[in-house]
Amino acid sequence: MIKIMDYMTFGKPIIQFSTTEGQVTAQKASLYIQANSIEIFAQKLTELLDDPERRHKMGLHGQRRIENELNWDKQKSFLKAAYDYLDEVTV
């Protein structure tokens, strides 16, 4: 999943096989292939190559998610809360 975050950081649109983690992370920054089909993947890649405006919007969405939601300054409080919760329930 680190590569998905890297692509988003650099404003790159993504095409990936559908996974829960991929969808939660990338959201509108990615196209999702439901079946593990190389042919469908190639079709989506061609669609994206032919649509520069869509690529730009997807890339921008990914960058904004990193900057506004997924960056460490935002996420560290969630991680600390999870550790605090685990500390409370295991005592």
PDB file of N, CA and C in Angstrom:
ATOM      1  N   MET A   1       0.813  -1.205   0.000  1.00  0.00           N
ATOM      2  CA  MET A   1       0.000   0.000   0.000  1.00  0.00           C
ATOM      3  C   MET A   1       0.852   1.264   0.000  1.00  0.00           C
ATOM      4  N   ILE A   2       2.107   1.151   0.362  1.00  0.00           N
ATOM      5  CA  ILE A   2       2.957   2.345   0.386  1.00  0.00           C
ATOM      6  C   ILE A   2       3.036   2.963  -1.004  1.00  0.00           C
ATOM      7  N   LYS A   3       3.096   2.142  -2.043  1.00  0.00           N
ATOM      8  CA  LYS A   3       3.204   2.713  -3.387  1.00  0.00           C
ATOM      9  C   LYS A   3       1.964   3.527  -3.744  1.00  0.00           C
ATOM     10  N   ILE A   4       0.789   3.128  -3.257  1.00  0.00           N
ATOM     11  CA  ILE A   4      -0.431   3.902  -3.510  1.00  0.00           C
ATOM     12  C   ILE A   4      -0.289   5.296  -2.909  1.00  0.00           C
ATOM     13  N   MET A   5       0.205   5.356  -1.683  1.00  0.00           N
ATOM     14  CA  MET A   5       0.415   6.647  -1.023  1.00  0.00           C
ATOM     15  C   MET A   5       1.469   7.471  -1.776  1.00  0.00           C
ATOM     16  N   ASP A   6       2.496   6.810  -2.272  1.00  0.00           N
ATOM     17  CA  ASP A   6       3.523   7.517  -3.056  1.00  0.00           C
ATOM     18  C   ASP A   6       2.918   8.123  -4.316  1.00  0.00           C
ATOM     19  N   TYR A   7       2.130   7.349  -5.047  1.00  0.00           N
ATOM     20  CA  TYR A   7       1.488   7.862  -6.261  1.00  0.00           C
ATOM     21  C   TYR A   7       0.613   9.069  -5.934  1.00  0.00           C
ATOM     22  N   MET A   8      -0.128   8.965  -4.841  1.00  0.00           N
ATOM     23  CA  MET A   8      -1.011  10.063  -4.442  1.00  0.00           C
ATOM     24  C   MET A   8      -0.202  11.307  -4.082  1.00  0.00           C
ATOM     25  N   THR A   9       0.893  11.122  -3.372  1.00  0.00           N
ATOM     26  CA  THR A   9       1.750  12.247  -2.985  1.00  0.00           C
ATOM     27  C   THR A   9       2.223  13.024  -4.201  1.00  0.00           C
ATOM     28  N   PHE A  10       2.552  12.299  -5.260  1.00  0.00           N
ATOM     29  CA  PHE A  10       3.060  12.938  -6.473  1.00  0.00           C
ATOM     30  C   PHE A  10       1.969  13.279  -7.485  1.00  0.00           C
ATOM     31  N   GLY A  11       0.700  13.137  -7.080  1.00  0.00           N
ATOM     32  CA  GLY A  11      -0.401  13.543  -7.942  1.00  0.00           C
ATOM     33  C   GLY A  11      -0.621  12.648  -9.142  1.00  0.00           C
ATOM     34  N   LYS A  12      -0.306  11.372  -8.990  1.00  0.00           N
ATOM     35  CA  LYS A  12      -0.481  10.436 -10.100  1.00  0.00           C
ATOM     36  C   LYS A  12      -1.803   9.687  -9.971  1.00  0.00           C
ATOM     37  N   PRO A  13      -2.547   9.554 -11.047  1.00  0.00           N
ATOM     38  CA  PRO A  13      -3.758   8.732 -10.994  1.00  0.00           C
ATOM     39  C   PRO A  13      -3.361   7.265 -10.875  1.00  0.00           C
ATOM     40  N   ILE A  14      -4.248   6.477 -10.341  1.00  0.00           N
ATOM     41  CA  ILE A  14      -3.931   5.079 -10.039  1.00  0.00           C
ATOM     42  C   ILE A  14      -4.974   4.175 -10.682  1.00  0.00           C
ATOM     43  N   ILE A  15      -4.525   3.019 -11.131  1.00  0.00           N
ATOM     44  CA  ILE A  15      -5.410   1.931 -11.537  1.00  0.00           C
ATOM     45  C   ILE A  15      -4.951   0.729 -10.729  1.00  0.00           C
ATOM     46  N   GLN A  16      -5.892   0.096 -10.034  1.00  0.00           N
ATOM     47  CA  GLN A  16      -5.507  -1.041  -9.200  1.00  0.00           C
ATOM     48  C   GLN A  16      -6.631  -2.065  -9.145  1.00  0.00           C
ATOM     49  N   PHE A  17      -6.251  -3.295  -8.862  1.00  0.00           N
ATOM     50  CA  PHE A  17      -7.253  -4.309  -8.614  1.00  0.00           C
ATOM     51  C   PHE A  17      -7.933  -3.957  -7.301  1.00  0.00           C
ATOM     52  N   SER A  18      -9.204  -4.199  -7.220  1.00  0.00           N
ATOM     53  CA  SER A  18     -10.017  -3.750  -6.105  1.00  0.00           C
ATOM     54  C   SER A  18      -9.683  -4.484  -4.806  1.00  0.00           C
ATOM     55  N   THR A  19      -9.292  -3.704  -3.798  1.00  0.00           N
ATOM     56  CA  THR A  19      -9.110  -4.203  -2.439  1.00  0.00           C
ATOM     57  C   THR A  19      -9.735  -3.170  -1.504  1.00  0.00           C
ATOM     58  N   THR A  20     -10.138  -3.611  -0.351  1.00  0.00           N
ATOM     59  CA  THR A  20     -10.733  -2.679   0.610  1.00  0.00           C
ATOM     60  C   THR A  20      -9.736  -1.592   0.973  1.00  0.00           C
ATOM     61  N   GLU A  21      -8.511  -1.970   1.286  1.00  0.00           N
ATOM     62  CA  GLU A  21      -7.504  -0.983   1.686  1.00  0.00           C
ATOM     63  C   GLU A  21      -7.215   0.003   0.566  1.00  0.00           C
ATOM     64  N   GLY A  22      -7.127  -0.477  -0.658  1.00  0.00           N
ATOM     65  CA  GLY A  22      -6.895   0.416  -1.788  1.00  0.00           C
ATOM     66  C   GLY A  22      -8.016   1.426  -1.951  1.00  0.00           C
ATOM     67  N   GLN A  23      -9.248   0.976  -1.801  1.00  0.00           N
ATOM     68  CA  GLN A  23     -10.396   1.875  -1.952  1.00  0.00           C
ATOM     69  C   GLN A  23     -10.479   2.882  -0.814  1.00  0.00           C
ATOM     70  N   VAL A  24     -10.194   2.440   0.410  1.00  0.00           N
ATOM     71  CA  VAL A  24     -10.231   3.351   1.555  1.00  0.00           C
ATOM     72  C   VAL A  24      -9.150   4.413   1.418  1.00  0.00           C
ATOM     73  N   THR A  25      -7.985   4.013   0.966  1.00  0.00           N
ATOM     74  CA  THR A  25      -6.856   4.944   0.869  1.00  0.00           C
ATOM     75  C   THR A  25      -7.001   5.889  -0.312  1.00  0.00           C
ATOM     76  N   ALA A  26      -7.166   5.360  -1.503  1.00  0.00           N
ATOM     77  CA  ALA A  26      -7.106   6.183  -2.715  1.00  0.00           C
ATOM     78  C   ALA A  26      -8.425   6.872  -3.049  1.00  0.00           C
ATOM     79  N   GLN A  27      -9.524   6.247  -2.718  1.00  0.00           N
ATOM     80  CA  GLN A  27     -10.835   6.781  -3.054  1.00  0.00           C
ATOM     81  C   GLN A  27     -10.896   7.179  -4.532  1.00  0.00           C
ATOM     82  N   LYS A  28     -11.182   8.458  -4.835  1.00  0.00           N
ATOM     83  CA  LYS A  28     -11.369   8.907  -6.219  1.00  0.00           C
ATOM     84  C   LYS A  28     -10.052   9.113  -6.974  1.00  0.00           C
ATOM     85  N   ALA A  29      -8.926   8.852  -6.326  1.00  0.00           N
ATOM     86  CA  ALA A  29      -7.637   8.979  -7.001  1.00  0.00           C
ATOM     87  C   ALA A  29      -7.319   7.739  -7.831  1.00  0.00           C
ATOM     88  N   SER A  30      -8.196   6.752  -7.785  1.00  0.00           N
ATOM     89  CA  SER A  30      -7.924   5.479  -8.447  1.00  0.00           C
ATOM     90  C   SER A  30      -9.137   4.964  -9.212  1.00  0.00           C
ATOM     91  N   LEU A  31      -8.848   4.209 -10.255  1.00  0.00           N
ATOM     92  CA  LEU A  31      -9.850   3.364 -10.907  1.00  0.00           C
ATOM     93  C   LEU A  31      -9.654   1.967 -10.339  1.00  0.00           C
ATOM     94  N   TYR A  32     -10.745   1.234 -10.187  1.00  0.00           N
ATOM     95  CA  TYR A  32     -10.679  -0.085  -9.561  1.00  0.00           C
ATOM     96  C   TYR A  32     -11.155  -1.158 -10.529  1.00  0.00           C
ATOM     97  N   ILE A  33     -10.397  -2.203 -10.612  1.00  0.00           N
ATOM     98  CA  ILE A  33     -10.723  -3.337 -11.463  1.00  0.00           C
ATOM     99  C   ILE A  33     -11.269  -4.427 -10.548  1.00  0.00           C
ATOM    100  N   GLN A  34     -12.553  -4.769 -10.717  1.00  0.00           N
ATOM    101  CA  GLN A  34     -13.196  -5.738  -9.828  1.00  0.00           C
ATOM    102  C   GLN A  34     -12.676  -7.157 -10.053  1.00  0.00           C
ATOM    103  N   ALA A  35     -12.600  -7.560 -11.285  1.00  0.00           N
ATOM    104  CA  ALA A  35     -12.093  -8.898 -11.587  1.00  0.00           C
ATOM    105  C   ALA A  35     -10.593  -8.811 -11.840  1.00  0.00           C
ATOM    106  N   ASN A  36      -9.880  -9.837 -11.484  1.00  0.00           N
ATOM    107  CA  ASN A  36      -8.443  -9.850 -11.760  1.00  0.00           C
ATOM    108  C   ASN A  36      -8.209 -10.124 -13.237  1.00  0.00           C
ATOM    109  N   SER A  37      -8.591  -9.164 -14.057  1.00  0.00           N
ATOM    110  CA  SER A  37      -8.522  -9.306 -15.503  1.00  0.00           C
ATOM    111  C   SER A  37      -7.493  -8.345 -16.083  1.00  0.00           C
ATOM    112  N   ILE A  38      -6.489  -8.891 -16.690  1.00  0.00           N
ATOM    113  CA  ILE A  38      -5.468  -8.069 -17.335  1.00  0.00           C
ATOM    114  C   ILE A  38      -6.084  -7.283 -18.484  1.00  0.00           C
ATOM    115  N   GLU A  39      -7.048  -7.879 -19.182  1.00  0.00           N
ATOM    116  CA  GLU A  39      -7.696  -7.207 -20.304  1.00  0.00           C
ATOM    117  C   GLU A  39      -8.459  -5.963 -19.837  1.00  0.00           C
ATOM    118  N   ILE A  40      -9.201  -6.092 -18.740  1.00  0.00           N
ATOM    119  CA  ILE A  40      -9.942  -4.941 -18.212  1.00  0.00           C
ATOM    120  C   ILE A  40      -8.973  -3.884 -17.693  1.00  0.00           C
ATOM    121  N   PHE A  41      -7.895  -4.335 -17.069  1.00  0.00           N
ATOM    122  CA  PHE A  41      -6.874  -3.401 -16.604  1.00  0.00           C
ATOM    123  C   PHE A  41      -6.324  -2.597 -17.782  1.00  0.00           C
ATOM    124  N   ALA A  42      -6.006  -3.276 -18.878  1.00  0.00           N
ATOM    125  CA  ALA A  42      -5.485  -2.596 -20.065  1.00  0.00           C
ATOM    126  C   ALA A  42      -6.514  -1.626 -20.645  1.00  0.00           C
ATOM    127  N   GLN A  43      -7.779  -2.013 -20.638  1.00  0.00           N
ATOM    128  CA  GLN A  43      -8.857  -1.143 -21.129  1.00  0.00           C
ATOM    129  C   GLN A  43      -8.934   0.132 -20.288  1.00  0.00           C
ATOM    130  N   LYS A  44      -8.898  -0.002 -18.965  1.00  0.00           N
ATOM    131  CA  LYS A  44      -8.960   1.163 -18.075  1.00  0.00           C
ATOM    132  C   LYS A  44      -7.728   2.046 -18.245  1.00  0.00           C
ATOM    133  N   LEU A  45      -6.591   1.426 -18.453  1.00  0.00           N
ATOM    134  CA  LEU A  45      -5.362   2.186 -18.680  1.00  0.00           C
ATOM    135  C   LEU A  45      -5.479   3.020 -19.952  1.00  0.00           C
ATOM    136  N   THR A  46      -6.011   2.435 -21.005  1.00  0.00           N
ATOM    137  CA  THR A  46      -6.209   3.156 -22.259  1.00  0.00           C
ATOM    138  C   THR A  46      -7.198   4.314 -22.072  1.00  0.00           C
ATOM    139  N   GLU A  47      -8.294   4.053 -21.353  1.00  0.00           N
ATOM    140  CA  GLU A  47      -9.265   5.114 -21.081  1.00  0.00           C
ATOM    141  C   GLU A  47      -8.613   6.290 -20.364  1.00  0.00           C
ATOM    142  N   LEU A  48      -7.789   5.972 -19.389  1.00  0.00           N
ATOM    143  CA  LEU A  48      -7.134   7.031 -18.619  1.00  0.00           C
ATOM    144  C   LEU A  48      -6.094   7.773 -19.455  1.00  0.00           C
ATOM    145  N   LEU A  49      -5.373   7.051 -20.280  1.00  0.00           N
ATOM    146  CA  LEU A  49      -4.388   7.707 -21.154  1.00  0.00           C
ATOM    147  C   LEU A  49      -5.053   8.666 -22.132  1.00  0.00           C
ATOM    148  N   ASP A  50      -6.265   8.362 -22.521  1.00  0.00           N
ATOM    149  CA  ASP A  50      -6.996   9.202 -23.472  1.00  0.00           C
ATOM    150  C   ASP A  50      -7.750  10.356 -22.810  1.00  0.00           C
ATOM    151  N   ASP A  51      -7.637  10.511 -21.514  1.00  0.00           N
ATOM    152  CA  ASP A  51      -8.409  11.529 -20.806  1.00  0.00           C
ATOM    153  C   ASP A  51      -7.527  12.320 -19.827  1.00  0.00           C
ATOM    154  N   PRO A  52      -6.749  13.280 -20.347  1.00  0.00           N
ATOM    155  CA  PRO A  52      -5.833  14.036 -19.480  1.00  0.00           C
ATOM    156  C   PRO A  52      -6.534  14.806 -18.362  1.00  0.00           C
ATOM    157  N   GLU A  53      -7.738  15.296 -18.622  1.00  0.00           N
ATOM    158  CA  GLU A  53      -8.461  16.040 -17.585  1.00  0.00           C
ATOM    159  C   GLU A  53      -8.820  15.118 -16.412  1.00  0.00           C
ATOM    160  N   ARG A  54      -9.253  13.921 -16.733  1.00  0.00           N
ATOM    161  CA  ARG A  54      -9.580  12.952 -15.676  1.00  0.00           C
ATOM    162  C   ARG A  54      -8.336  12.570 -14.885  1.00  0.00           C
ATOM    163  N   ARG A  55      -7.228  12.342 -15.592  1.00  0.00           N
ATOM    164  CA  ARG A  55      -5.969  12.026 -14.897  1.00  0.00           C
ATOM    165  C   ARG A  55      -5.603  13.139 -13.932  1.00  0.00           C
ATOM    166  N   HIS A  56      -5.735  14.387 -14.402  1.00  0.00           N
ATOM    167  CA  HIS A  56      -5.393  15.534 -13.561  1.00  0.00           C
ATOM    168  C   HIS A  56      -6.283  15.583 -12.312  1.00  0.00           C
ATOM    169  N   LYS A  57      -7.581  15.413 -12.490  1.00  0.00           N
ATOM    170  CA  LYS A  57      -8.515  15.455 -11.350  1.00  0.00           C
ATOM    171  C   LYS A  57      -8.226  14.334 -10.355  1.00  0.00           C
ATOM    172  N   MET A  58      -7.950  13.154 -10.864  1.00  0.00           N
ATOM    173  CA  MET A  58      -7.648  12.028  -9.975  1.00  0.00           C
ATOM    174  C   MET A  58      -6.360  12.286  -9.201  1.00  0.00           C
ATOM    175  N   GLY A  59      -5.344  12.787  -9.907  1.00  0.00           N
ATOM    176  CA  GLY A  59      -4.074  13.087  -9.249  1.00  0.00           C
ATOM    177  C   GLY A  59      -4.229  14.154  -8.183  1.00  0.00           C
ATOM    178  N   LEU A  60      -4.997  15.178  -8.492  1.00  0.00           N
ATOM    179  CA  LEU A  60      -5.234  16.260  -7.541  1.00  0.00           C
ATOM    180  C   LEU A  60      -5.999  15.752  -6.312  1.00  0.00           C
ATOM    181  N   HIS A  61      -6.967  14.887  -6.549  1.00  0.00           N
ATOM    182  CA  HIS A  61      -7.718  14.308  -5.424  1.00  0.00           C
ATOM    183  C   HIS A  61      -6.766  13.548  -4.492  1.00  0.00           C
ATOM    184  N   GLY A  62      -5.875  12.766  -5.070  1.00  0.00           N
ATOM    185  CA  GLY A  62      -4.919  12.008  -4.260  1.00  0.00           C
ATOM    186  C   GLY A  62      -4.006  12.914  -3.456  1.00  0.00           C
ATOM    187  N   GLN A  63      -3.479  13.946  -4.092  1.00  0.00           N
ATOM    188  CA  GLN A  63      -2.615  14.886  -3.378  1.00  0.00           C
ATOM    189  C   GLN A  63      -3.357  15.555  -2.229  1.00  0.00           C
ATOM    190  N   ARG A  64      -4.569  15.955  -2.468  1.00  0.00           N
ATOM    191  CA  ARG A  64      -5.352  16.618  -1.411  1.00  0.00           C
ATOM    192  C   ARG A  64      -5.643  15.672  -0.254  1.00  0.00           C
ATOM    193  N   ARG A  65      -5.908  14.395  -0.560  1.00  0.00           N
ATOM    194  CA  ARG A  65      -6.120  13.433   0.530  1.00  0.00           C
ATOM    195  C   ARG A  65      -4.874  13.283   1.380  1.00  0.00           C
ATOM    196  N   ILE A  66      -3.725  13.237   0.746  1.00  0.00           N
ATOM    197  CA  ILE A  66      -2.472  13.128   1.507  1.00  0.00           C
ATOM    198  C   ILE A  66      -2.281  14.377   2.359  1.00  0.00           C
ATOM    199  N   GLU A  67      -2.441  15.534   1.754  1.00  0.00           N
ATOM    200  CA  GLU A  67      -2.197  16.786   2.462  1.00  0.00           C
ATOM    201  C   GLU A  67      -3.202  17.034   3.585  1.00  0.00           C
ATOM    202  N   ASN A  68      -4.471  16.715   3.360  1.00  0.00           N
ATOM    203  CA  ASN A  68      -5.521  17.100   4.299  1.00  0.00           C
ATOM    204  C   ASN A  68      -6.004  15.994   5.234  1.00  0.00           C
ATOM    205  N   GLU A  69      -5.786  14.734   4.865  1.00  0.00           N
ATOM    206  CA  GLU A  69      -6.363  13.656   5.660  1.00  0.00           C
ATOM    207  C   GLU A  69      -5.379  12.567   6.066  1.00  0.00           C
ATOM    208  N   LEU A  70      -4.467  12.218   5.193  1.00  0.00           N
ATOM    209  CA  LEU A  70      -3.631  11.047   5.439  1.00  0.00           C
ATOM    210  C   LEU A  70      -2.216  11.378   5.907  1.00  0.00           C
ATOM    211  N   ASN A  71      -1.902  12.647   6.043  1.00  0.00           N
ATOM    212  CA  ASN A  71      -0.545  12.992   6.473  1.00  0.00           C
ATOM    213  C   ASN A  71      -0.355  12.647   7.946  1.00  0.00           C
ATOM    214  N   TRP A  72       0.895  12.562   8.364  1.00  0.00           N
ATOM    215  CA  TRP A  72       1.217  12.122   9.705  1.00  0.00           C
ATOM    216  C   TRP A  72       0.626  13.037  10.779  1.00  0.00           C
ATOM    217  N   ASP A  73       0.640  14.333  10.559  1.00  0.00           N
ATOM    218  CA  ASP A  73       0.091  15.252  11.561  1.00  0.00           C
ATOM    219  C   ASP A  73      -1.374  14.942  11.865  1.00  0.00           C
ATOM    220  N   LYS A  74      -2.116  14.502  10.869  1.00  0.00           N
ATOM    221  CA  LYS A  74      -3.524  14.147  11.072  1.00  0.00           C
ATOM    222  C   LYS A  74      -3.670  12.736  11.655  1.00  0.00           C
ATOM    223  N   GLN A  75      -2.865  11.813  11.174  1.00  0.00           N
ATOM    224  CA  GLN A  75      -3.035  10.408  11.522  1.00  0.00           C
ATOM    225  C   GLN A  75      -2.463  10.035  12.892  1.00  0.00           C
ATOM    226  N   LYS A  76      -1.471  10.764  13.382  1.00  0.00           N
ATOM    227  CA  LYS A  76      -0.835  10.354  14.638  1.00  0.00           C
ATOM    228  C   LYS A  76      -1.812  10.367  15.813  1.00  0.00           C
ATOM    229  N   SER A  77      -2.782  11.261  15.803  1.00  0.00           N
ATOM    230  CA  SER A  77      -3.751  11.282  16.901  1.00  0.00           C
ATOM    231  C   SER A  77      -4.629  10.023  16.872  1.00  0.00           C
ATOM    232  N   PHE A  78      -4.954   9.526  15.676  1.00  0.00           N
ATOM    233  CA  PHE A  78      -5.733   8.296  15.567  1.00  0.00           C
ATOM    234  C   PHE A  78      -4.932   7.100  16.082  1.00  0.00           C
ATOM    235  N   LEU A  79      -3.658   7.059  15.738  1.00  0.00           N
ATOM    236  CA  LEU A  79      -2.799   5.969  16.199  1.00  0.00           C
ATOM    237  C   LEU A  79      -2.648   6.009  17.718  1.00  0.00           C
ATOM    238  N   LYS A  80      -2.434   7.204  18.257  1.00  0.00           N
ATOM    239  CA  LYS A  80      -2.313   7.338  19.713  1.00  0.00           C
ATOM    240  C   LYS A  80      -3.601   6.907  20.392  1.00  0.00           C
ATOM    241  N   ALA A  81      -4.745   7.293  19.863  1.00  0.00           N
ATOM    242  CA  ALA A  81      -6.031   6.892  20.437  1.00  0.00           C
ATOM    243  C   ALA A  81      -6.190   5.371  20.417  1.00  0.00           C
ATOM    244  N   ALA A  82      -5.754   4.732  19.354  1.00  0.00           N
ATOM    245  CA  ALA A  82      -5.834   3.271  19.270  1.00  0.00           C
ATOM    246  C   ALA A  82      -4.944   2.630  20.332  1.00  0.00           C
ATOM    247  N   TYR A  83      -3.723   3.139  20.500  1.00  0.00           N
ATOM    248  CA  TYR A  83      -2.833   2.609  21.535  1.00  0.00           C
ATOM    249  C   TYR A  83      -3.406   2.857  22.929  1.00  0.00           C
ATOM    250  N   ASP A  84      -3.956   4.027  23.160  1.00  0.00           N
ATOM    251  CA  ASP A  84      -4.553   4.333  24.451  1.00  0.00           C
ATOM    252  C   ASP A  84      -5.712   3.393  24.754  1.00  0.00           C
ATOM    253  N   TYR A  85      -6.545   3.139  23.750  1.00  0.00           N
ATOM    254  CA  TYR A  85      -7.669   2.224  23.917  1.00  0.00           C
ATOM    255  C   TYR A  85      -7.170   0.817  24.257  1.00  0.00           C
ATOM    256  N   LEU A  86      -6.185   0.339  23.522  1.00  0.00           N
ATOM    257  CA  LEU A  86      -5.644  -0.995  23.781  1.00  0.00           C
ATOM    258  C   LEU A  86      -5.030  -1.070  25.169  1.00  0.00           C
ATOM    259  N   ASP A  87      -4.385  -0.004  25.583  1.00  0.00           N
ATOM    260  CA  ASP A  87      -3.800   0.041  26.909  1.00  0.00           C
ATOM    261  C   ASP A  87      -4.889  -0.084  27.978  1.00  0.00           C
ATOM    262  N   GLU A  88      -6.016   0.548  27.769  1.00  0.00           N
ATOM    263  CA  GLU A  88      -7.133   0.516  28.734  1.00  0.00           C
ATOM    264  C   GLU A  88      -7.794  -0.854  28.783  1.00  0.00           C
ATOM    265  N   VAL A  89      -8.005  -1.484  27.652  1.00  0.00           N
ATOM    266  CA  VAL A  89      -8.730  -2.764  27.636  1.00  0.00           C
ATOM    267  C   VAL A  89      -7.850  -3.939  28.030  1.00  0.00           C
ATOM    268  N   THR A  90      -6.554  -3.789  28.025  1.00  0.00           N
ATOM    269  CA  THR A  90      -5.664  -4.905  28.380  1.00  0.00           C
ATOM    270  C   THR A  90      -5.201  -4.830  29.826  1.00  0.00           C
ATOM    271  N   VAL A  91      -5.589  -3.800  30.543  1.00  0.00           N
ATOM    272  CA  VAL A  91      -5.175  -3.662  31.946  1.00  0.00           C
ATOM    273  C   VAL A  91      -6.140  -4.376  32.843  1.00  0.00           C
TER     274      VAL A  91
END
